[in-house]
């Protein structure tokens, strides 16, 4: 299934910009919160920087697609692949952590966890797959050359 190129570009531009703004706001709130939150921030700063870099890749790629720059297509496709991998790894790690909690005798809401993962994972995988198919289509390639 192919999506309109303008929709793809603007969707990922708005989504990436929104994720960057929300991430910056969360980091700002953690910095202002105090000692415990500062320790968390110092622990996860590398993860936060890498996640921001992935979202910047999505923002730059979508801007490139809006402007029909050849590099925009590659950046946006790379962003989609990175997002797919990160979502699958995140989902797997959440299920793995829940399995360990269950083995330790703590009650675990498996139905809620699987439903939450499914509600996020399936739509994002679908739009990323449709974006990759669209960006690789012959019609799109003609627009970028």
N, C-alpha and C. Protein backbone atom coordinates (compact mmCIF):
# COMPACT_ATOMS: atom_id res chain seq x y z
N UNK A 1 0.83 -1.18 0.00
CA UNK A 1 0.00 0.00 0.00
C UNK A 1 0.88 1.24 0.00
N UNK A 2 0.64 2.12 -0.91
CA UNK A 2 1.40 3.36 -0.98
C UNK A 2 0.57 4.50 -0.40
N UNK A 3 1.27 5.37 0.28
CA UNK A 3 0.64 6.57 0.86
C UNK A 3 1.04 7.79 0.05
N UNK A 4 0.24 8.86 0.08
CA UNK A 4 0.66 10.10 -0.59
C UNK A 4 1.96 10.63 0.02
N UNK A 5 2.87 11.04 -0.82
CA UNK A 5 4.18 11.51 -0.38
C UNK A 5 4.07 12.73 0.54
N UNK A 6 3.16 13.62 0.24
CA UNK A 6 2.98 14.81 1.09
C UNK A 6 2.51 14.41 2.49
N UNK A 7 1.60 13.43 2.57
CA UNK A 7 1.14 12.97 3.88
C UNK A 7 2.29 12.39 4.68
N UNK A 8 3.09 11.54 4.05
CA UNK A 8 4.23 10.92 4.73
C UNK A 8 5.17 11.99 5.26
N UNK A 9 5.52 12.93 4.42
CA UNK A 9 6.48 13.95 4.82
C UNK A 9 5.96 14.79 5.98
N UNK A 10 4.73 15.27 5.87
CA UNK A 10 4.19 16.12 6.94
C UNK A 10 3.89 15.33 8.20
N UNK A 11 3.45 14.10 8.07
CA UNK A 11 3.18 13.27 9.24
C UNK A 11 4.45 13.06 10.06
N UNK A 12 5.53 12.68 9.39
CA UNK A 12 6.78 12.43 10.11
C UNK A 12 7.43 13.73 10.58
N UNK A 13 7.23 14.82 9.86
CA UNK A 13 7.77 16.11 10.33
C UNK A 13 7.09 16.53 11.62
N UNK A 14 5.78 16.47 11.65
CA UNK A 14 5.04 16.88 12.85
C UNK A 14 5.30 15.91 14.01
N UNK A 15 5.31 14.61 13.72
CA UNK A 15 5.54 13.61 14.76
C UNK A 15 6.95 13.74 15.33
N UNK A 16 7.94 13.90 14.48
CA UNK A 16 9.32 14.02 14.96
C UNK A 16 9.52 15.31 15.76
N UNK A 17 8.99 16.40 15.26
CA UNK A 17 9.11 17.67 15.99
C UNK A 17 8.40 17.57 17.34
N UNK A 18 7.23 16.96 17.36
CA UNK A 18 6.51 16.78 18.61
C UNK A 18 7.27 15.92 19.60
N UNK A 19 7.86 14.83 19.12
CA UNK A 19 8.65 13.96 20.00
C UNK A 19 9.86 14.69 20.55
N UNK A 20 10.51 15.49 19.74
CA UNK A 20 11.67 16.26 20.22
C UNK A 20 11.27 17.29 21.27
N UNK A 21 10.15 17.97 21.05
CA UNK A 21 9.68 18.98 22.02
C UNK A 21 9.28 18.31 23.33
N UNK A 22 8.54 17.20 23.25
CA UNK A 22 8.13 16.49 24.47
C UNK A 22 9.35 15.95 25.21
N UNK A 23 10.30 15.39 24.48
CA UNK A 23 11.53 14.89 25.11
C UNK A 23 12.32 15.98 25.80
N UNK A 24 12.44 17.13 25.13
CA UNK A 24 13.16 18.26 25.75
C UNK A 24 12.43 18.74 26.99
N UNK A 25 11.10 18.79 26.95
CA UNK A 25 10.32 19.22 28.11
C UNK A 25 10.49 18.24 29.28
N UNK A 26 10.49 16.94 28.98
CA UNK A 26 10.69 15.94 30.04
C UNK A 26 12.07 16.06 30.66
N UNK A 27 13.08 16.25 29.85
CA UNK A 27 14.43 16.41 30.38
C UNK A 27 14.53 17.68 31.23
N UNK A 28 13.91 18.75 30.77
CA UNK A 28 13.90 20.00 31.53
C UNK A 28 13.22 19.80 32.88
N UNK A 29 12.10 19.08 32.89
CA UNK A 29 11.40 18.82 34.16
C UNK A 29 12.23 17.94 35.08
N UNK A 30 12.96 16.95 34.53
CA UNK A 30 13.82 16.11 35.36
C UNK A 30 14.96 16.91 35.97
N UNK A 31 15.51 17.84 35.21
CA UNK A 31 16.60 18.66 35.72
C UNK A 31 16.12 19.52 36.89
N UNK A 32 14.93 20.06 36.78
CA UNK A 32 14.39 20.94 37.82
C UNK A 32 13.82 20.19 39.01
N UNK A 33 13.63 18.86 38.90
CA UNK A 33 12.91 18.10 39.92
C UNK A 33 13.71 17.87 41.19
N UNK A 34 14.99 17.62 41.11
CA UNK A 34 15.74 17.39 42.33
C UNK A 34 16.76 16.27 42.18
N UNK A 35 17.21 15.76 43.34
CA UNK A 35 18.34 14.84 43.40
C UNK A 35 18.04 13.49 42.77
N UNK A 36 16.92 12.87 43.12
CA UNK A 36 16.62 11.55 42.59
C UNK A 36 16.47 11.59 41.07
N UNK A 37 15.78 12.59 40.59
CA UNK A 37 15.59 12.71 39.15
C UNK A 37 16.88 13.08 38.44
N UNK A 38 17.75 13.83 39.12
CA UNK A 38 19.05 14.17 38.51
C UNK A 38 19.91 12.92 38.36
N UNK A 39 19.83 12.02 39.34
CA UNK A 39 20.57 10.77 39.20
C UNK A 39 20.06 9.96 38.02
N UNK A 40 18.75 9.93 37.81
CA UNK A 40 18.20 9.24 36.65
C UNK A 40 18.68 9.89 35.36
N UNK A 41 18.66 11.21 35.35
CA UNK A 41 19.07 11.94 34.15
C UNK A 41 20.54 11.66 33.83
N UNK A 42 21.41 11.60 34.84
CA UNK A 42 22.82 11.33 34.59
C UNK A 42 23.03 9.89 34.14
N UNK A 43 22.15 8.99 34.56
CA UNK A 43 22.25 7.60 34.17
C UNK A 43 21.84 7.39 32.71
N UNK A 44 20.82 8.11 32.26
CA UNK A 44 20.25 7.81 30.95
C UNK A 44 20.55 8.86 29.89
N UNK A 45 21.50 9.74 30.13
CA UNK A 45 21.75 10.81 29.16
C UNK A 45 22.17 10.27 27.79
N UNK A 46 22.94 9.22 27.75
CA UNK A 46 23.38 8.67 26.46
C UNK A 46 22.19 8.09 25.69
N UNK A 47 21.30 7.40 26.40
CA UNK A 47 20.08 6.89 25.75
C UNK A 47 19.25 8.03 25.20
N UNK A 48 19.12 9.10 25.98
CA UNK A 48 18.32 10.24 25.55
C UNK A 48 18.93 10.93 24.34
N UNK A 49 20.24 11.04 24.30
CA UNK A 49 20.92 11.66 23.16
C UNK A 49 20.72 10.81 21.90
N UNK A 50 20.84 9.50 22.03
CA UNK A 50 20.66 8.62 20.87
C UNK A 50 19.21 8.65 20.39
N UNK A 51 18.27 8.69 21.31
CA UNK A 51 16.86 8.75 20.92
C UNK A 51 16.57 10.09 20.23
N UNK A 52 17.15 11.16 20.74
CA UNK A 52 16.97 12.47 20.09
C UNK A 52 17.59 12.45 18.69
N UNK A 53 18.73 11.77 18.54
CA UNK A 53 19.36 11.69 17.21
C UNK A 53 18.46 10.94 16.22
N UNK A 54 17.79 9.89 16.68
CA UNK A 54 16.88 9.15 15.80
C UNK A 54 15.72 10.04 15.39
N UNK A 55 15.14 10.80 16.33
CA UNK A 55 14.03 11.69 15.99
C UNK A 55 14.49 12.84 15.10
N UNK A 56 15.72 13.30 15.28
CA UNK A 56 16.26 14.34 14.39
C UNK A 56 16.41 13.78 12.97
N UNK A 57 16.81 12.53 12.87
CA UNK A 57 16.90 11.88 11.57
C UNK A 57 15.54 11.87 10.88
N UNK A 58 14.49 11.57 11.65
CA UNK A 58 13.14 11.60 11.10
C UNK A 58 12.72 12.99 10.68
N UNK A 59 13.07 13.99 11.49
CA UNK A 59 12.72 15.37 11.16
C UNK A 59 13.45 15.84 9.91
N UNK A 60 14.75 15.61 9.85
CA UNK A 60 15.52 16.02 8.68
C UNK A 60 15.08 15.27 7.42
N UNK A 61 14.82 13.96 7.57
CA UNK A 61 14.36 13.19 6.43
C UNK A 61 13.02 13.68 5.91
N UNK A 62 12.11 13.99 6.81
CA UNK A 62 10.80 14.46 6.37
C UNK A 62 10.88 15.84 5.73
N UNK A 63 11.75 16.70 6.25
CA UNK A 63 11.95 18.00 5.61
C UNK A 63 12.55 17.82 4.21
N UNK A 64 13.48 16.88 4.09
CA UNK A 64 14.05 16.58 2.78
C UNK A 64 13.01 16.04 1.81
N UNK A 65 12.07 15.23 2.30
CA UNK A 65 11.01 14.72 1.43
C UNK A 65 10.05 15.84 1.05
N UNK A 66 9.74 16.72 1.98
CA UNK A 66 8.88 17.87 1.66
C UNK A 66 9.51 18.70 0.54
N UNK A 67 10.82 18.90 0.61
CA UNK A 67 11.52 19.70 -0.39
C UNK A 67 11.95 18.88 -1.62
N UNK A 68 11.60 17.58 -1.64
CA UNK A 68 11.94 16.64 -2.72
C UNK A 68 13.45 16.56 -2.95
N UNK A 69 14.20 16.57 -1.87
CA UNK A 69 15.65 16.38 -1.94
C UNK A 69 15.96 14.88 -1.93
N UNK A 70 16.89 14.42 -2.77
CA UNK A 70 17.19 12.99 -2.82
C UNK A 70 17.63 12.40 -1.48
N UNK A 71 18.39 13.17 -0.69
CA UNK A 71 18.84 12.66 0.60
C UNK A 71 17.69 12.50 1.58
N UNK A 72 16.60 13.22 1.41
CA UNK A 72 15.46 13.12 2.32
C UNK A 72 14.82 11.75 2.29
N UNK A 73 14.77 11.17 1.10
CA UNK A 73 14.20 9.83 0.96
C UNK A 73 15.01 8.81 1.74
N UNK A 74 16.33 8.89 1.67
CA UNK A 74 17.19 7.95 2.37
C UNK A 74 17.12 8.16 3.88
N UNK A 75 17.12 9.42 4.33
CA UNK A 75 17.05 9.70 5.76
C UNK A 75 15.72 9.21 6.34
N UNK A 76 14.63 9.45 5.64
CA UNK A 76 13.33 9.05 6.16
C UNK A 76 13.19 7.52 6.17
N UNK A 77 13.72 6.87 5.16
CA UNK A 77 13.68 5.40 5.17
C UNK A 77 14.54 4.84 6.29
N UNK A 78 15.72 5.41 6.50
CA UNK A 78 16.57 4.98 7.61
C UNK A 78 15.87 5.20 8.95
N UNK A 79 15.20 6.33 9.08
CA UNK A 79 14.43 6.60 10.30
C UNK A 79 13.36 5.54 10.51
N UNK A 80 12.65 5.18 9.46
CA UNK A 80 11.59 4.16 9.60
C UNK A 80 12.18 2.81 10.03
N UNK A 81 13.30 2.42 9.43
CA UNK A 81 13.93 1.17 9.84
C UNK A 81 14.39 1.23 11.29
N UNK A 82 14.97 2.36 11.69
CA UNK A 82 15.41 2.51 13.09
C UNK A 82 14.22 2.46 14.04
N UNK A 83 13.12 3.09 13.67
CA UNK A 83 11.93 3.08 14.50
C UNK A 83 11.36 1.67 14.63
N UNK A 84 11.36 0.92 13.55
CA UNK A 84 10.88 -0.46 13.60
C UNK A 84 11.73 -1.29 14.56
N UNK A 85 13.04 -1.19 14.43
CA UNK A 85 13.94 -1.96 15.30
C UNK A 85 13.77 -1.53 16.75
N UNK A 86 13.72 -0.23 17.02
CA UNK A 86 13.58 0.25 18.39
C UNK A 86 12.26 -0.19 19.02
N UNK A 87 11.19 -0.15 18.26
CA UNK A 87 9.90 -0.58 18.79
C UNK A 87 9.88 -2.08 19.09
N UNK A 88 10.44 -2.87 18.20
CA UNK A 88 10.48 -4.32 18.45
C UNK A 88 11.36 -4.64 19.67
N UNK A 89 12.50 -3.99 19.79
CA UNK A 89 13.36 -4.22 20.95
C UNK A 89 12.71 -3.75 22.25
N UNK A 90 12.06 -2.61 22.20
CA UNK A 90 11.38 -2.10 23.38
C UNK A 90 10.24 -3.03 23.81
N UNK A 91 9.47 -3.50 22.86
CA UNK A 91 8.37 -4.42 23.18
C UNK A 91 8.91 -5.72 23.77
N UNK A 92 9.95 -6.25 23.17
CA UNK A 92 10.53 -7.49 23.66
C UNK A 92 11.10 -7.31 25.07
N UNK A 93 11.76 -6.19 25.32
CA UNK A 93 12.34 -5.98 26.65
C UNK A 93 11.25 -5.79 27.70
N UNK A 94 10.13 -5.16 27.34
CA UNK A 94 9.02 -5.02 28.30
C UNK A 94 8.43 -6.39 28.63
N UNK A 95 8.22 -7.23 27.64
CA UNK A 95 7.69 -8.56 27.89
C UNK A 95 8.67 -9.41 28.70
N UNK A 96 9.96 -9.26 28.42
CA UNK A 96 10.99 -9.98 29.17
C UNK A 96 10.99 -9.55 30.63
N UNK A 97 10.87 -8.24 30.88
CA UNK A 97 10.83 -7.75 32.26
C UNK A 97 9.58 -8.25 32.98
N UNK A 98 8.46 -8.29 32.29
CA UNK A 98 7.24 -8.80 32.90
C UNK A 98 7.36 -10.29 33.22
N UNK A 99 8.03 -11.03 32.36
CA UNK A 99 8.23 -12.46 32.62
C UNK A 99 9.03 -12.68 33.89
N UNK A 100 10.05 -11.84 34.09
CA UNK A 100 10.86 -11.96 35.31
C UNK A 100 10.06 -11.57 36.55
N UNK A 101 9.20 -10.57 36.43
CA UNK A 101 8.33 -10.20 37.55
C UNK A 101 7.38 -11.35 37.86
N UNK A 102 6.86 -11.98 36.83
CA UNK A 102 5.95 -13.11 37.02
C UNK A 102 6.67 -14.28 37.68
N UNK A 103 7.90 -14.54 37.28
CA UNK A 103 8.67 -15.63 37.87
C UNK A 103 9.01 -15.35 39.33
N UNK A 104 9.10 -14.07 39.69
CA UNK A 104 9.41 -13.69 41.08
C UNK A 104 8.16 -13.73 41.96
N UNK A 105 7.02 -14.05 41.38
CA UNK A 105 5.80 -14.17 42.15
C UNK A 105 4.96 -12.91 42.22
N UNK A 106 5.36 -11.88 41.54
CA UNK A 106 4.58 -10.65 41.53
C UNK A 106 3.47 -10.77 40.50
N UNK A 107 2.29 -10.22 40.82
CA UNK A 107 1.21 -10.29 39.83
C UNK A 107 1.49 -9.42 38.61
N UNK A 108 1.20 -9.96 37.45
CA UNK A 108 1.48 -9.27 36.19
C UNK A 108 0.21 -9.24 35.36
N UNK A 109 -0.09 -8.10 34.79
CA UNK A 109 -1.24 -7.94 33.92
C UNK A 109 -0.79 -8.19 32.47
N UNK A 110 -0.77 -9.45 32.06
CA UNK A 110 -0.31 -9.81 30.73
C UNK A 110 -1.21 -9.26 29.65
N UNK A 111 -2.51 -9.31 29.88
CA UNK A 111 -3.46 -8.83 28.89
C UNK A 111 -3.27 -7.34 28.63
N UNK A 112 -3.10 -6.57 29.68
CA UNK A 112 -2.87 -5.13 29.53
C UNK A 112 -1.55 -4.83 28.84
N UNK A 113 -0.53 -5.59 29.18
CA UNK A 113 0.79 -5.37 28.57
C UNK A 113 0.77 -5.69 27.08
N UNK A 114 0.19 -6.82 26.73
CA UNK A 114 0.15 -7.21 25.32
C UNK A 114 -0.77 -6.29 24.53
N UNK A 115 -1.89 -5.88 25.13
CA UNK A 115 -2.79 -4.94 24.45
C UNK A 115 -2.10 -3.60 24.23
N UNK A 116 -1.37 -3.11 25.23
CA UNK A 116 -0.66 -1.84 25.09
C UNK A 116 0.40 -1.89 24.02
N UNK A 117 1.14 -2.98 24.00
CA UNK A 117 2.18 -3.14 22.97
C UNK A 117 1.53 -3.22 21.59
N UNK A 118 0.46 -3.96 21.48
CA UNK A 118 -0.21 -4.13 20.18
C UNK A 118 -0.80 -2.83 19.68
N UNK A 119 -1.39 -2.04 20.57
CA UNK A 119 -2.01 -0.78 20.15
C UNK A 119 -0.99 0.22 19.63
N UNK A 120 0.23 0.13 20.09
CA UNK A 120 1.29 1.02 19.61
C UNK A 120 2.05 0.38 18.44
N UNK A 121 2.42 -0.86 18.61
CA UNK A 121 3.31 -1.53 17.66
C UNK A 121 2.69 -1.71 16.28
N UNK A 122 1.49 -2.22 16.19
CA UNK A 122 0.89 -2.55 14.90
C UNK A 122 0.70 -1.30 14.03
N UNK A 123 0.10 -0.20 14.53
CA UNK A 123 -0.07 0.97 13.66
C UNK A 123 1.26 1.59 13.23
N UNK A 124 2.23 1.65 14.14
CA UNK A 124 3.51 2.26 13.77
C UNK A 124 4.25 1.39 12.77
N UNK A 125 4.21 0.08 12.96
CA UNK A 125 4.83 -0.81 11.97
C UNK A 125 4.15 -0.67 10.61
N UNK A 126 2.84 -0.54 10.62
CA UNK A 126 2.11 -0.41 9.36
C UNK A 126 2.47 0.88 8.63
N UNK A 127 2.51 1.99 9.35
CA UNK A 127 2.82 3.26 8.67
C UNK A 127 4.29 3.30 8.24
N UNK A 128 5.17 2.70 9.02
CA UNK A 128 6.58 2.66 8.60
C UNK A 128 6.76 1.77 7.37
N UNK A 129 6.10 0.63 7.36
CA UNK A 129 6.19 -0.25 6.19
C UNK A 129 5.61 0.43 4.95
N UNK A 130 4.47 1.08 5.10
CA UNK A 130 3.86 1.78 3.96
C UNK A 130 4.76 2.93 3.49
N UNK A 131 5.43 3.59 4.43
CA UNK A 131 6.35 4.67 4.06
C UNK A 131 7.54 4.13 3.27
N UNK A 132 8.10 3.03 3.73
CA UNK A 132 9.24 2.43 3.01
C UNK A 132 8.82 2.00 1.62
N UNK A 133 7.66 1.37 1.50
CA UNK A 133 7.17 0.94 0.18
C UNK A 133 6.95 2.15 -0.72
N UNK A 134 6.36 3.20 -0.17
CA UNK A 134 6.11 4.41 -0.96
C UNK A 134 7.42 5.06 -1.41
N UNK A 135 8.38 5.19 -0.50
CA UNK A 135 9.64 5.84 -0.84
C UNK A 135 10.45 5.05 -1.87
N UNK A 136 10.24 3.74 -1.91
CA UNK A 136 10.96 2.89 -2.87
C UNK A 136 10.21 2.71 -4.18
N UNK A 137 9.00 3.24 -4.29
CA UNK A 137 8.21 3.05 -5.50
C UNK A 137 8.85 3.81 -6.68
N UNK A 138 8.66 3.32 -7.89
CA UNK A 138 9.23 3.99 -9.08
C UNK A 138 8.73 5.42 -9.24
N UNK A 139 7.46 5.66 -8.90
CA UNK A 139 6.92 7.02 -9.02
C UNK A 139 7.62 7.99 -8.08
N UNK A 140 7.87 7.53 -6.85
CA UNK A 140 8.57 8.39 -5.89
C UNK A 140 10.02 8.62 -6.30
N UNK A 141 10.65 7.57 -6.81
CA UNK A 141 12.05 7.71 -7.22
C UNK A 141 12.19 8.72 -8.34
N UNK A 142 11.20 8.78 -9.24
CA UNK A 142 11.25 9.77 -10.31
C UNK A 142 11.16 11.19 -9.77
N UNK A 143 10.37 11.37 -8.73
CA UNK A 143 10.22 12.71 -8.14
C UNK A 143 11.51 13.20 -7.49
N UNK A 144 12.31 12.27 -6.97
CA UNK A 144 13.52 12.66 -6.24
C UNK A 144 14.75 12.77 -7.13
N UNK A 145 14.65 12.40 -8.39
CA UNK A 145 15.85 12.46 -9.24
C UNK A 145 15.91 13.74 -10.04
